[in-house]
Amino acid sequence: LERAFITFDLGYGLPEQYLLPMAAPVALSNDA
């Protein structure tokens, strides 16, 4: 009834070509 485990990670980041140009910074308040 026992098992051993290990993990492997497949990373992903969307290429820049699929994103709109960067907008002006908007700070996220602590309240938000």
PDB file of all heavy atoms in Angstrom:
ATOM      1  N   LEU A   1       0.808  -1.216   0.000  1.00  0.00           N
ATOM      2  CA  LEU A   1       0.000   0.000   0.000  1.00  0.00           C
ATOM      3  C   LEU A   1       0.843   1.270   0.000  1.00  0.00           C
ATOM      4  O   LEU A   1       0.304   2.363   0.138  1.00  0.00           O
ATOM      5  CB  LEU A   1      -0.925   0.011   1.235  1.00  0.00           C
ATOM      6  CG  LEU A   1      -1.938  -1.128   1.331  1.00  0.00           C
ATOM      7  CD1 LEU A   1      -2.672  -1.061   2.661  1.00  0.00           C
ATOM      8  CD2 LEU A   1      -2.930  -1.079   0.173  1.00  0.00           C
ATOM      9  N   GLU A   2       2.154   1.151  -0.142  1.00  0.00           N
ATOM     10  CA  GLU A   2       3.031   2.308  -0.058  1.00  0.00           C
ATOM     11  C   GLU A   2       3.639   2.640  -1.412  1.00  0.00           C
ATOM     12  O   GLU A   2       3.866   1.743  -2.241  1.00  0.00           O
ATOM     13  CB  GLU A   2       4.146   2.052   0.957  1.00  0.00           C
ATOM     14  CG  GLU A   2       3.659   1.885   2.378  1.00  0.00           C
ATOM     15  CD  GLU A   2       4.824   1.673   3.332  1.00  0.00           C
ATOM     16  OE1 GLU A   2       5.437   2.675   3.725  1.00  0.00           O
ATOM     17  OE2 GLU A   2       5.107   0.511   3.652  1.00  0.00           O
ATOM     18  N   ARG A   3       3.930   3.943  -1.612  1.00  0.00           N
ATOM     19  CA  ARG A   3       4.539   4.399  -2.855  1.00  0.00           C
ATOM     20  C   ARG A   3       5.580   5.465  -2.551  1.00  0.00           C
ATOM     21  O   ARG A   3       5.463   6.196  -1.567  1.00  0.00           O
ATOM     22  CB  ARG A   3       3.488   4.961  -3.808  1.00  0.00           C
ATOM     23  CG  ARG A   3       2.439   3.934  -4.198  1.00  0.00           C
ATOM     24  CD  ARG A   3       1.546   4.435  -5.291  1.00  0.00           C
ATOM     25  NE  ARG A   3       0.565   3.425  -5.657  1.00  0.00           N
ATOM     26  CZ  ARG A   3      -0.120   3.425  -6.792  1.00  0.00           C
ATOM     27  NH1 ARG A   3       0.063   4.393  -7.661  1.00  0.00           N
ATOM     28  NH2 ARG A   3      -0.986   2.474  -7.068  1.00  0.00           N
ATOM     29  N   ALA A   4       6.586   5.537  -3.435  1.00  0.00           N
ATOM     30  CA  ALA A   4       7.581   6.603  -3.372  1.00  0.00           C
ATOM     31  C   ALA A   4       7.326   7.554  -4.534  1.00  0.00           C
ATOM     32  O   ALA A   4       6.822   7.147  -5.592  1.00  0.00           O
ATOM     33  CB  ALA A   4       8.987   6.021  -3.446  1.00  0.00           C
ATOM     34  N   PHE A   5       7.671   8.833  -4.340  1.00  0.00           N
ATOM     35  CA  PHE A   5       7.349   9.845  -5.344  1.00  0.00           C
ATOM     36  C   PHE A   5       8.568  10.721  -5.629  1.00  0.00           C
ATOM     37  O   PHE A   5       9.365  11.032  -4.739  1.00  0.00           O
ATOM     38  CB  PHE A   5       6.212  10.748  -4.852  1.00  0.00           C
ATOM     39  CG  PHE A   5       4.957  10.007  -4.481  1.00  0.00           C
ATOM     40  CD1 PHE A   5       4.725   9.621  -3.169  1.00  0.00           C
ATOM     41  CD2 PHE A   5       4.009   9.697  -5.442  1.00  0.00           C
ATOM     42  CE1 PHE A   5       3.564   8.942  -2.826  1.00  0.00           C
ATOM     43  CE2 PHE A   5       2.855   9.024  -5.103  1.00  0.00           C
ATOM     44  CZ  PHE A   5       2.626   8.646  -3.798  1.00  0.00           C
ATOM     45  N   ILE A   6       8.666  11.153  -6.888  1.00  0.00           N
ATOM     46  CA  ILE A   6       9.578  12.217  -7.287  1.00  0.00           C
ATOM     47  C   ILE A   6       8.839  13.089  -8.297  1.00  0.00           C
ATOM     48  O   ILE A   6       7.830  12.663  -8.880  1.00  0.00           O
ATOM     49  CB  ILE A   6      10.884  11.682  -7.916  1.00  0.00           C
ATOM     50  CG1 ILE A   6      10.566  10.733  -9.090  1.00  0.00           C
ATOM     51  CG2 ILE A   6      11.769  11.022  -6.889  1.00  0.00           C
ATOM     52  CD1 ILE A   6      11.796  10.291  -9.845  1.00  0.00           C
ATOM     53  N   THR A   7       9.306  14.315  -8.493  1.00  0.00           N
ATOM     54  CA  THR A   7       8.625  15.224  -9.414  1.00  0.00           C
ATOM     55  C   THR A   7       9.607  15.773 -10.442  1.00  0.00           C
ATOM     56  O   THR A   7      10.804  15.931 -10.175  1.00  0.00           O
ATOM     57  CB  THR A   7       7.984  16.400  -8.657  1.00  0.00           C
ATOM     58  OG1 THR A   7       8.989  17.114  -7.933  1.00  0.00           O
ATOM     59  CG2 THR A   7       6.907  15.916  -7.696  1.00  0.00           C
ATOM     60  N   PHE A   8       9.058  16.079 -11.625  1.00  0.00           N
ATOM     61  CA  PHE A   8       9.791  16.739 -12.699  1.00  0.00           C
ATOM     62  C   PHE A   8       8.947  17.904 -13.188  1.00  0.00           C
ATOM     63  O   PHE A   8       7.715  17.806 -13.237  1.00  0.00           O
ATOM     64  CB  PHE A   8      10.067  15.773 -13.860  1.00  0.00           C
ATOM     65  CG  PHE A   8      10.938  14.597 -13.486  1.00  0.00           C
ATOM     66  CD1 PHE A   8      10.368  13.400 -13.058  1.00  0.00           C
ATOM     67  CD2 PHE A   8      12.319  14.686 -13.562  1.00  0.00           C
ATOM     68  CE1 PHE A   8      11.163  12.316 -12.718  1.00  0.00           C
ATOM     69  CE2 PHE A   8      13.123  13.603 -13.225  1.00  0.00           C
ATOM     70  CZ  PHE A   8      12.545  12.422 -12.797  1.00  0.00           C
ATOM     71  N   ASP A   9       9.605  18.992 -13.557  1.00  0.00           N
ATOM     72  CA  ASP A   9       8.894  20.203 -13.978  1.00  0.00           C
ATOM     73  C   ASP A   9       9.108  20.484 -15.452  1.00  0.00           C
ATOM     74  O   ASP A   9      10.241  20.443 -15.954  1.00  0.00           O
ATOM     75  CB  ASP A   9       9.365  21.412 -13.172  1.00  0.00           C
ATOM     76  CG  ASP A   9       8.911  21.358 -11.727  1.00  0.00           C
ATOM     77  OD1 ASP A   9       7.963  20.609 -11.442  1.00  0.00           O
ATOM     78  OD2 ASP A   9       9.516  22.047 -10.883  1.00  0.00           O
ATOM     79  N   LEU A  10       7.999  20.775 -16.138  1.00  0.00           N
ATOM     80  CA  LEU A  10       8.033  21.236 -17.521  1.00  0.00           C
ATOM     81  C   LEU A  10       7.668  22.712 -17.515  1.00  0.00           C
ATOM     82  O   LEU A  10       6.518  23.077 -17.281  1.00  0.00           O
ATOM     83  CB  LEU A  10       7.043  20.434 -18.377  1.00  0.00           C
ATOM     84  CG  LEU A  10       6.822  20.916 -19.819  1.00  0.00           C
ATOM     85  CD1 LEU A  10       8.125  20.989 -20.598  1.00  0.00           C
ATOM     86  CD2 LEU A  10       5.815  20.016 -20.534  1.00  0.00           C
ATOM     87  N   GLY A  11       8.667  23.575 -17.711  1.00  0.00           N
ATOM     88  CA  GLY A  11       8.437  25.012 -17.660  1.00  0.00           C
ATOM     89  C   GLY A  11       7.840  25.552 -18.943  1.00  0.00           C
ATOM     90  O   GLY A  11       8.006  24.976 -20.032  1.00  0.00           O
ATOM     91  N   TYR A  12       7.128  26.673 -18.821  1.00  0.00           N
ATOM     92  CA  TYR A  12       6.501  27.279 -19.997  1.00  0.00           C
ATOM     93  C   TYR A  12       6.450  28.798 -19.823  1.00  0.00           C
ATOM     94  O   TYR A  12       6.109  29.301 -18.741  1.00  0.00           O
ATOM     95  CB  TYR A  12       5.079  26.751 -20.183  1.00  0.00           C
ATOM     96  CG  TYR A  12       4.449  27.124 -21.516  1.00  0.00           C
ATOM     97  CD1 TYR A  12       4.538  26.261 -22.593  1.00  0.00           C
ATOM     98  CD2 TYR A  12       3.790  28.335 -21.695  1.00  0.00           C
ATOM     99  CE1 TYR A  12       3.983  26.585 -23.826  1.00  0.00           C
ATOM    100  CE2 TYR A  12       3.229  28.675 -22.917  1.00  0.00           C
ATOM    101  CZ  TYR A  12       3.324  27.794 -23.980  1.00  0.00           C
ATOM    102  OH  TYR A  12       2.786  28.121 -25.200  1.00  0.00           O
ATOM    103  N   GLY A  13       6.796  29.485 -20.891  1.00  0.00           N
ATOM    104  CA  GLY A  13       6.662  30.937 -20.949  1.00  0.00           C
ATOM    105  C   GLY A  13       6.171  31.314 -22.333  1.00  0.00           C
ATOM    106  O   GLY A  13       6.748  30.884 -23.349  1.00  0.00           O
ATOM    107  N   LEU A  14       5.102  32.067 -22.393  1.00  0.00           N
ATOM    108  CA  LEU A  14       4.510  32.407 -23.685  1.00  0.00           C
ATOM    109  C   LEU A  14       5.455  33.335 -24.459  1.00  0.00           C
ATOM    110  O   LEU A  14       5.910  34.351 -23.923  1.00  0.00           O
ATOM    111  CB  LEU A  14       3.156  33.087 -23.466  1.00  0.00           C
ATOM    112  CG  LEU A  14       2.241  33.199 -24.686  1.00  0.00           C
ATOM    113  CD1 LEU A  14       1.831  31.818 -25.187  1.00  0.00           C
ATOM    114  CD2 LEU A  14       0.998  34.008 -24.332  1.00  0.00           C
ATOM    115  N   PRO A  15       5.772  32.999 -25.722  1.00  0.00           N
ATOM    116  CA  PRO A  15       6.649  33.869 -26.520  1.00  0.00           C
ATOM    117  C   PRO A  15       6.095  35.286 -26.651  1.00  0.00           C
ATOM    118  O   PRO A  15       4.884  35.505 -26.649  1.00  0.00           O
ATOM    119  CB  PRO A  15       6.696  33.161 -27.882  1.00  0.00           C
ATOM    120  CG  PRO A  15       6.419  31.727 -27.572  1.00  0.00           C
ATOM    121  CD  PRO A  15       5.425  31.760 -26.443  1.00  0.00           C
ATOM    122  N   GLU A  16       6.990  36.239 -26.766  1.00  0.00           N
ATOM    123  CA  GLU A  16       6.643  37.651 -26.809  1.00  0.00           C
ATOM    124  C   GLU A  16       5.693  37.985 -27.940  1.00  0.00           C
ATOM    125  O   GLU A  16       4.873  38.905 -27.836  1.00  0.00           O
ATOM    126  CB  GLU A  16       7.922  38.477 -26.932  1.00  0.00           C
ATOM    127  CG  GLU A  16       7.732  39.975 -26.839  1.00  0.00           C
ATOM    128  CD  GLU A  16       7.381  40.448 -25.435  1.00  0.00           C
ATOM    129  OE1 GLU A  16       7.710  39.724 -24.472  1.00  0.00           O
ATOM    130  OE2 GLU A  16       6.782  41.526 -25.299  1.00  0.00           O
ATOM    131  N   GLN A  17       5.765  37.234 -29.039  1.00  0.00           N
ATOM    132  CA  GLN A  17       4.975  37.556 -30.230  1.00  0.00           C
ATOM    133  C   GLN A  17       3.471  37.463 -29.995  1.00  0.00           C
ATOM    134  O   GLN A  17       2.681  38.016 -30.756  1.00  0.00           O
ATOM    135  CB  GLN A  17       5.364  36.620 -31.382  1.00  0.00           C
ATOM    136  CG  GLN A  17       4.939  35.161 -31.153  1.00  0.00           C
ATOM    137  CD  GLN A  17       5.656  34.193 -32.052  1.00  0.00           C
ATOM    138  OE1 GLN A  17       6.878  34.120 -32.067  1.00  0.00           O
ATOM    139  NE2 GLN A  17       4.891  33.466 -32.848  1.00  0.00           N
ATOM    140  N   TYR A  18       3.054  36.733 -28.943  1.00  0.00           N
ATOM    141  CA  TYR A  18       1.621  36.569 -28.678  1.00  0.00           C
ATOM    142  C   TYR A  18       1.072  37.598 -27.684  1.00  0.00           C
ATOM    143  O   TYR A  18      -0.093  37.524 -27.300  1.00  0.00           O
ATOM    144  CB  TYR A  18       1.344  35.167 -28.133  1.00  0.00           C
ATOM    145  CG  TYR A  18       1.784  34.060 -29.063  1.00  0.00           C
ATOM    146  CD1 TYR A  18       2.809  33.195 -28.699  1.00  0.00           C
ATOM    147  CD2 TYR A  18       1.188  33.891 -30.308  1.00  0.00           C
ATOM    148  CE1 TYR A  18       3.223  32.175 -29.538  1.00  0.00           C
ATOM    149  CE2 TYR A  18       1.597  32.871 -31.169  1.00  0.00           C
ATOM    150  CZ  TYR A  18       2.619  32.022 -30.776  1.00  0.00           C
ATOM    151  OH  TYR A  18       3.030  31.024 -31.624  1.00  0.00           O
ATOM    152  N   LEU A  19       1.934  38.541 -27.269  1.00  0.00           N
ATOM    153  CA  LEU A  19       1.532  39.517 -26.263  1.00  0.00           C
ATOM    154  C   LEU A  19       1.438  40.903 -26.869  1.00  0.00           C
ATOM    155  O   LEU A  19       2.182  41.245 -27.804  1.00  0.00           O
ATOM    156  CB  LEU A  19       2.538  39.530 -25.105  1.00  0.00           C
ATOM    157  CG  LEU A  19       2.733  38.210 -24.353  1.00  0.00           C
ATOM    158  CD1 LEU A  19       3.865  38.343 -23.350  1.00  0.00           C
ATOM    159  CD2 LEU A  19       1.459  37.780 -23.660  1.00  0.00           C
ATOM    160  N   LEU A  20       0.524  41.714 -26.322  1.00  0.00           N
ATOM    161  CA  LEU A  20       0.423  43.108 -26.746  1.00  0.00           C
ATOM    162  C   LEU A  20       1.595  43.893 -26.181  1.00  0.00           C
ATOM    163  O   LEU A  20       2.212  43.489 -25.194  1.00  0.00           O
ATOM    164  CB  LEU A  20      -0.902  43.709 -26.251  1.00  0.00           C
ATOM    165  CG  LEU A  20      -2.184  43.145 -26.886  1.00  0.00           C
ATOM    166  CD1 LEU A  20      -3.399  43.710 -26.158  1.00  0.00           C
ATOM    167  CD2 LEU A  20      -2.252  43.475 -28.365  1.00  0.00           C
ATOM    168  N   PRO A  21       1.937  45.035 -26.785  1.00  0.00           N
ATOM    169  CA  PRO A  21       3.022  45.866 -26.250  1.00  0.00           C
ATOM    170  C   PRO A  21       2.761  46.216 -24.791  1.00  0.00           C
ATOM    171  O   PRO A  21       1.616  46.376 -24.359  1.00  0.00           O
ATOM    172  CB  PRO A  21       2.988  47.104 -27.145  1.00  0.00           C
ATOM    173  CG  PRO A  21       2.354  46.635 -28.409  1.00  0.00           C
ATOM    174  CD  PRO A  21       1.359  45.591 -28.014  1.00  0.00           C
ATOM    175  N   MET A  22       3.836  46.359 -24.033  1.00  0.00           N
ATOM    176  CA  MET A  22       3.728  46.621 -22.598  1.00  0.00           C
ATOM    177  C   MET A  22       3.062  47.966 -22.334  1.00  0.00           C
ATOM    178  O   MET A  22       3.434  48.980 -22.918  1.00  0.00           O
ATOM    179  CB  MET A  22       5.108  46.596 -21.946  1.00  0.00           C
ATOM    180  CG  MET A  22       5.081  46.695 -20.427  1.00  0.00           C
ATOM    181  SD  MET A  22       6.720  46.500 -19.698  1.00  0.00           S
ATOM    182  CE  MET A  22       7.077  44.799 -20.089  1.00  0.00           C
ATOM    183  N   ALA A  23       2.064  47.944 -21.477  1.00  0.00           N
ATOM    184  CA  ALA A  23       1.361  49.178 -21.117  1.00  0.00           C
ATOM    185  C   ALA A  23       2.124  49.904 -20.026  1.00  0.00           C
ATOM    186  O   ALA A  23       3.082  49.398 -19.453  1.00  0.00           O
ATOM    187  CB  ALA A  23      -0.053  48.859 -20.656  1.00  0.00           C
ATOM    188  N   ALA A  24       1.665  51.098 -19.728  1.00  0.00           N
ATOM    189  CA  ALA A  24       2.291  51.876 -18.663  1.00  0.00           C
ATOM    190  C   ALA A  24       2.085  51.173 -17.328  1.00  0.00           C
ATOM    191  O   ALA A  24       1.036  50.577 -17.088  1.00  0.00           O
ATOM    192  CB  ALA A  24       1.692  53.274 -18.620  1.00  0.00           C
ATOM    193  N   PRO A  25       3.091  51.217 -16.420  1.00  0.00           N
ATOM    194  CA  PRO A  25       2.972  50.521 -15.132  1.00  0.00           C
ATOM    195  C   PRO A  25       1.783  51.012 -14.313  1.00  0.00           C
ATOM    196  O   PRO A  25       1.514  52.197 -14.250  1.00  0.00           O
ATOM    197  CB  PRO A  25       4.301  50.855 -14.427  1.00  0.00           C
ATOM    198  CG  PRO A  25       5.230  51.245 -15.527  1.00  0.00           C
ATOM    199  CD  PRO A  25       4.375  51.885 -16.580  1.00  0.00           C
ATOM    200  N   VAL A  26       1.094  50.039 -13.743  1.00  0.00           N
ATOM    201  CA  VAL A  26      -0.010  50.354 -12.834  1.00  0.00           C
ATOM    202  C   VAL A  26       0.245  49.607 -11.535  1.00  0.00           C
ATOM    203  O   VAL A  26       0.266  48.375 -11.519  1.00  0.00           O
ATOM    204  CB  VAL A  26      -1.374  49.931 -13.441  1.00  0.00           C
ATOM    205  CG1 VAL A  26      -2.486  50.213 -12.440  1.00  0.00           C
ATOM    206  CG2 VAL A  26      -1.620  50.643 -14.754  1.00  0.00           C
ATOM    207  N   ALA A  27       0.460  50.350 -10.479  1.00  0.00           N
ATOM    208  CA  ALA A  27       0.781  49.725  -9.193  1.00  0.00           C
ATOM    209  C   ALA A  27      -0.450  49.072  -8.594  1.00  0.00           C
ATOM    210  O   ALA A  27      -1.538  49.637  -8.632  1.00  0.00           O
ATOM    211  CB  ALA A  27       1.348  50.764  -8.234  1.00  0.00           C
ATOM    212  N   LEU A  28      -0.270  47.857  -8.093  1.00  0.00           N
ATOM    213  CA  LEU A  28      -1.358  47.159  -7.398  1.00  0.00           C
ATOM    214  C   LEU A  28      -1.248  47.462  -5.915  1.00  0.00           C
ATOM    215  O   LEU A  28      -0.254  47.150  -5.268  1.00  0.00           O
ATOM    216  CB  LEU A  28      -1.253  45.646  -7.624  1.00  0.00           C
ATOM    217  CG  LEU A  28      -2.334  44.777  -6.983  1.00  0.00           C
ATOM    218  CD1 LEU A  28      -3.695  45.106  -7.573  1.00  0.00           C
ATOM    219  CD2 LEU A  28      -2.010  43.309  -7.156  1.00  0.00           C
ATOM    220  N   SER A  29      -2.246  48.130  -5.397  1.00  0.00           N
ATOM    221  CA  SER A  29      -2.193  48.543  -3.999  1.00  0.00           C
ATOM    222  C   SER A  29      -2.338  47.349  -3.070  1.00  0.00           C
ATOM    223  O   SER A  29      -2.841  46.299  -3.446  1.00  0.00           O
ATOM    224  CB  SER A  29      -3.318  49.548  -3.710  1.00  0.00           C
ATOM    225  OG  SER A  29      -4.573  48.896  -3.807  1.00  0.00           O
ATOM    226  N   ASN A  30      -1.865  47.545  -1.848  1.00  0.00           N
ATOM    227  CA  ASN A  30      -2.027  46.493  -0.840  1.00  0.00           C
ATOM    228  C   ASN A  30      -3.493  46.212  -0.581  1.00  0.00           C
ATOM    229  O   ASN A  30      -3.876  45.079  -0.299  1.00  0.00           O
ATOM    230  CB  ASN A  30      -1.336  46.912   0.460  1.00  0.00           C
ATOM    231  CG  ASN A  30       0.178  46.886   0.346  1.00  0.00           C
ATOM    232  OD1 ASN A  30       0.714  46.125  -0.459  1.00  0.00           O
ATOM    233  ND2 ASN A  30       0.853  47.712   1.124  1.00  0.00           N
ATOM    234  N   ASP A  31      -4.329  47.259  -0.687  1.00  0.00           N
ATOM    235  CA  ASP A  31      -5.763  47.068  -0.479  1.00  0.00           C
ATOM    236  C   ASP A  31      -6.337  46.141  -1.549  1.00  0.00           C
ATOM    237  O   ASP A  31      -7.170  45.282  -1.253  1.00  0.00           O
ATOM    238  CB  ASP A  31      -6.484  48.417  -0.520  1.00  0.00           C
ATOM    239  CG  ASP A  31      -6.168  49.265   0.705  1.00  0.00           C
ATOM    240  OD1 ASP A  31      -5.697  48.692   1.709  1.00  0.00           O
ATOM    241  OD2 ASP A  31      -6.382  50.495   0.647  1.00  0.00           O
ATOM    242  N   ALA A  32      -5.894  46.329  -2.782  1.00  0.00           N
ATOM    243  CA  ALA A  32      -6.389  45.474  -3.865  1.00  0.00           C
ATOM    244  C   ALA A  32      -5.929  44.042  -3.667  1.00  0.00           C
ATOM    245  O   ALA A  32      -6.689  43.086  -3.881  1.00  0.00           O
ATOM    246  CB  ALA A  32      -5.909  46.014  -5.208  1.00  0.00           C
TER     247      ALA A  32
END
